[in-house]
């Protein structure tokens, strides 16, 4: 497993498909690629720090891509070019690590979002 090469590929994938301007198709491609890489690198045996860092980077990248795929409205400078849906300011996305599964929750104004935990 060439860890430095995979780190460079990860940066490139995130910039191209999960970057400032993105579409649902690009985000889906990124998630599939990240799932493949995560399965592939899981077979490696890490003895050095950079391998463990890569594993963490893949986990975070998967969660970012999952959250971005759920949110169809443009947020800040991040633009969904395939959607012009309105932004719901009382909308929270809860993610869990297991397989970058995600769900959306609507929280009433002034309410505290629920604590992150396992999904049902």
Protein backbone atom coordinates (compact mmCIF):
# COMPACT_ATOMS: atom_id res chain seq x y z
CA UNK A 1 0.00 0.00 0.00
CA UNK A 2 1.56 3.28 -1.16
CA UNK A 3 0.30 5.58 1.60
CA UNK A 4 1.74 8.89 0.24
CA UNK A 5 0.20 8.19 -3.19
CA UNK A 6 -3.20 7.44 -1.66
CA UNK A 7 -3.04 10.64 0.43
CA UNK A 8 -2.38 12.65 -2.76
CA UNK A 9 -5.23 10.85 -4.52
CA UNK A 10 -7.54 11.56 -1.58
CA UNK A 11 -6.76 15.29 -1.70
CA UNK A 12 -7.39 15.33 -5.43
CA UNK A 13 -10.67 13.43 -5.13
CA UNK A 14 -11.97 15.72 -2.39
CA UNK A 15 -11.07 18.86 -4.34
CA UNK A 16 -12.57 17.61 -7.63
CA UNK A 17 -15.77 16.01 -6.30
CA UNK A 18 -16.47 17.45 -2.84
CA UNK A 19 -14.92 20.90 -3.29
CA UNK A 20 -16.45 24.35 -3.51
CA UNK A 21 -18.75 23.59 -6.45
CA UNK A 22 -20.21 20.10 -6.63
CA UNK A 23 -23.13 18.02 -7.89
CA UNK A 24 -24.98 15.04 -6.50
CA UNK A 25 -23.34 12.78 -9.09
CA UNK A 26 -19.86 13.98 -8.12
CA UNK A 27 -20.61 13.44 -4.44
CA UNK A 28 -21.94 9.93 -5.12
CA UNK A 29 -18.79 9.13 -7.11
CA UNK A 30 -16.65 10.42 -4.25
CA UNK A 31 -18.51 8.28 -1.71
CA UNK A 32 -18.15 5.13 -3.81
CA UNK A 33 -14.44 5.80 -4.32
CA UNK A 34 -13.91 6.47 -0.62
CA UNK A 35 -15.74 3.26 0.30
CA UNK A 36 -13.52 1.29 -2.08
CA UNK A 37 -10.34 2.90 -0.76
CA UNK A 38 -11.43 2.32 2.84
CA UNK A 39 -12.02 -1.37 2.16
CA UNK A 40 -8.75 -1.66 0.25
CA UNK A 41 -6.60 0.08 2.85
CA UNK A 42 -8.27 -1.84 5.68
CA UNK A 43 -6.45 -4.93 4.39
CA UNK A 44 -3.12 -3.18 4.97
CA UNK A 45 -1.24 -3.59 8.19
CA UNK A 46 -0.08 -0.25 9.49
CA UNK A 47 3.16 -0.03 11.36
CA UNK A 48 3.77 3.66 10.85
CA UNK A 49 1.99 6.84 11.76
CA UNK A 50 1.22 7.88 8.17
CA UNK A 51 -0.90 4.74 7.65
CA UNK A 52 -3.02 5.50 10.69
CA UNK A 53 -3.33 9.13 9.59
CA UNK A 54 -4.55 7.94 6.19
CA UNK A 55 -7.18 5.78 7.85
CA UNK A 56 -8.42 8.80 9.83
CA UNK A 57 -8.40 11.00 6.71
CA UNK A 58 -10.50 8.45 4.82
CA UNK A 59 -13.01 8.32 7.68
CA UNK A 60 -13.34 12.12 7.84
CA UNK A 61 -13.52 12.43 4.05
CA UNK A 62 -16.32 9.85 3.96
CA UNK A 63 -18.30 11.75 6.59
CA UNK A 64 -17.79 15.09 4.81
CA UNK A 65 -18.93 13.60 1.49
CA UNK A 66 -21.98 11.98 3.12
CA UNK A 67 -23.02 15.25 4.77
CA UNK A 68 -22.50 17.20 1.55
CA UNK A 69 -24.55 14.67 -0.41
CA UNK A 70 -27.49 15.03 1.99
CA UNK A 71 -27.46 18.82 1.92
CA UNK A 72 -28.85 19.82 -1.47
CA UNK A 73 -28.93 23.56 -0.79
CA UNK A 74 -25.87 25.73 -1.25
CA UNK A 75 -24.22 26.62 2.06
CA UNK A 76 -21.79 29.53 2.36
CA UNK A 77 -19.27 29.25 -0.43
CA UNK A 78 -20.04 25.57 -1.08
CA UNK A 79 -22.39 25.40 -4.05
CA UNK A 80 -24.58 22.57 -5.29
CA UNK A 81 -24.74 23.34 -9.00
CA UNK A 82 -27.49 20.75 -9.51
CA UNK A 83 -29.93 22.23 -6.99
CA UNK A 84 -31.30 25.57 -5.97
CA UNK A 85 -33.17 24.36 -2.92
CA UNK A 86 -33.66 26.78 -0.02
CA UNK A 87 -31.39 26.53 3.00
CA UNK A 88 -33.13 25.33 6.17
CA UNK A 89 -31.33 27.06 9.03
CA UNK A 90 -32.89 24.70 11.58
CA UNK A 91 -31.60 21.60 9.89
CA UNK A 92 -28.91 19.39 11.40
CA UNK A 93 -27.21 16.43 9.80
CA UNK A 94 -26.17 13.64 12.15
CA UNK A 95 -23.45 11.31 10.91
CA UNK A 96 -21.98 8.21 12.41
CA UNK A 97 -18.66 6.61 11.67
CA UNK A 98 -19.71 3.04 10.86
CA UNK A 99 -20.14 3.36 7.09
CA UNK A 100 -20.54 7.11 6.74
CA UNK A 101 -24.27 6.57 7.16
CA UNK A 102 -26.18 9.79 7.55
CA UNK A 103 -29.60 11.10 8.43
CA UNK A 104 -31.19 14.54 8.58
CA UNK A 105 -32.98 16.01 11.55
CA UNK A 106 -35.03 19.18 11.84
CA UNK A 107 -34.55 20.98 15.13
CA UNK A 108 -37.08 23.67 16.19
CA UNK A 109 -35.75 27.23 16.62
CA UNK A 110 -33.95 27.65 19.94
CA UNK A 111 -33.80 23.92 20.61
CA UNK A 112 -30.54 22.19 21.33
CA UNK A 113 -29.62 19.60 18.69
CA UNK A 114 -29.68 16.03 19.97
CA UNK A 115 -26.41 14.46 20.99
CA UNK A 116 -24.71 12.42 18.35
CA UNK A 117 -25.09 8.74 18.91
CA UNK A 118 -25.85 5.52 17.11
CA UNK A 119 -28.60 5.66 14.56
CA UNK A 120 -31.60 3.40 15.07
